[in-house]
Amino acid sequence: MAKELNIICFSAHFDTDAIDFLEDLNCPAYKIASFEITDLELISKAARTQKPIIISTGIAEISDIKLAVETCKKVGNHNIILLKCTSAYPTPMEEVDLLSMQILGDKFDCLYGLSDHTIGNIVPLASLGLGSTSISRPAMPKDTPALAKSSAWSPLPPAAVFPWPGSWREWVTSKIIGH
């Protein structure tokens, strides 16, 4: 079905055996979950495939991110995307800091994106305006308690959830950029 919809499927993996399994399936990219960012053996093995490495930074310190990026580059893989992530489910708007996404990309000379756990679609759309190349959203059933009354994972939110255009600049400035 993914091929019919022109969707590229790939996977996060949590041990080196999973990389072997996914390579047999011709997995086109590998995502490193933030909880795995210090598993340099895992990162190195994924990076040696020379496929894109997408690293979520949710719980990581800058030193952890640096080691992960260096591990990829050490084996010749420079095709790295760092995902800014806030490890809160759902992420409250006041904890969103999209500028850090750009800072990570600049600091480590990598593409950057967003691993988003907010309700609604405003934050991922705003991330595109700040140069995000990738957006990761968890696939969650609509009846998940935190999402039951929201349009969180719908592809096109209702107008009430999507403040366009009058409040867009104000919302981005006050909530995302923090001014």
Foldseek 3Di string as FASTA:
>chain_A
DCVVVVHQDAEEDDDLVVVVVVVVVVRQEYEHELVCLQVLVNLLSRLLVLHEYEYENAPHDPVSVVSSCCSSVVNPRQRYEYADEHPDAQDDLQPAALVVQVVVCVVSVYAYAHAHRHADDLVRVVNVVVRHPDYHYDDDDCVPPVNVPGCRPPPDGPCVRPPPDVCSVVCCVCRHNND
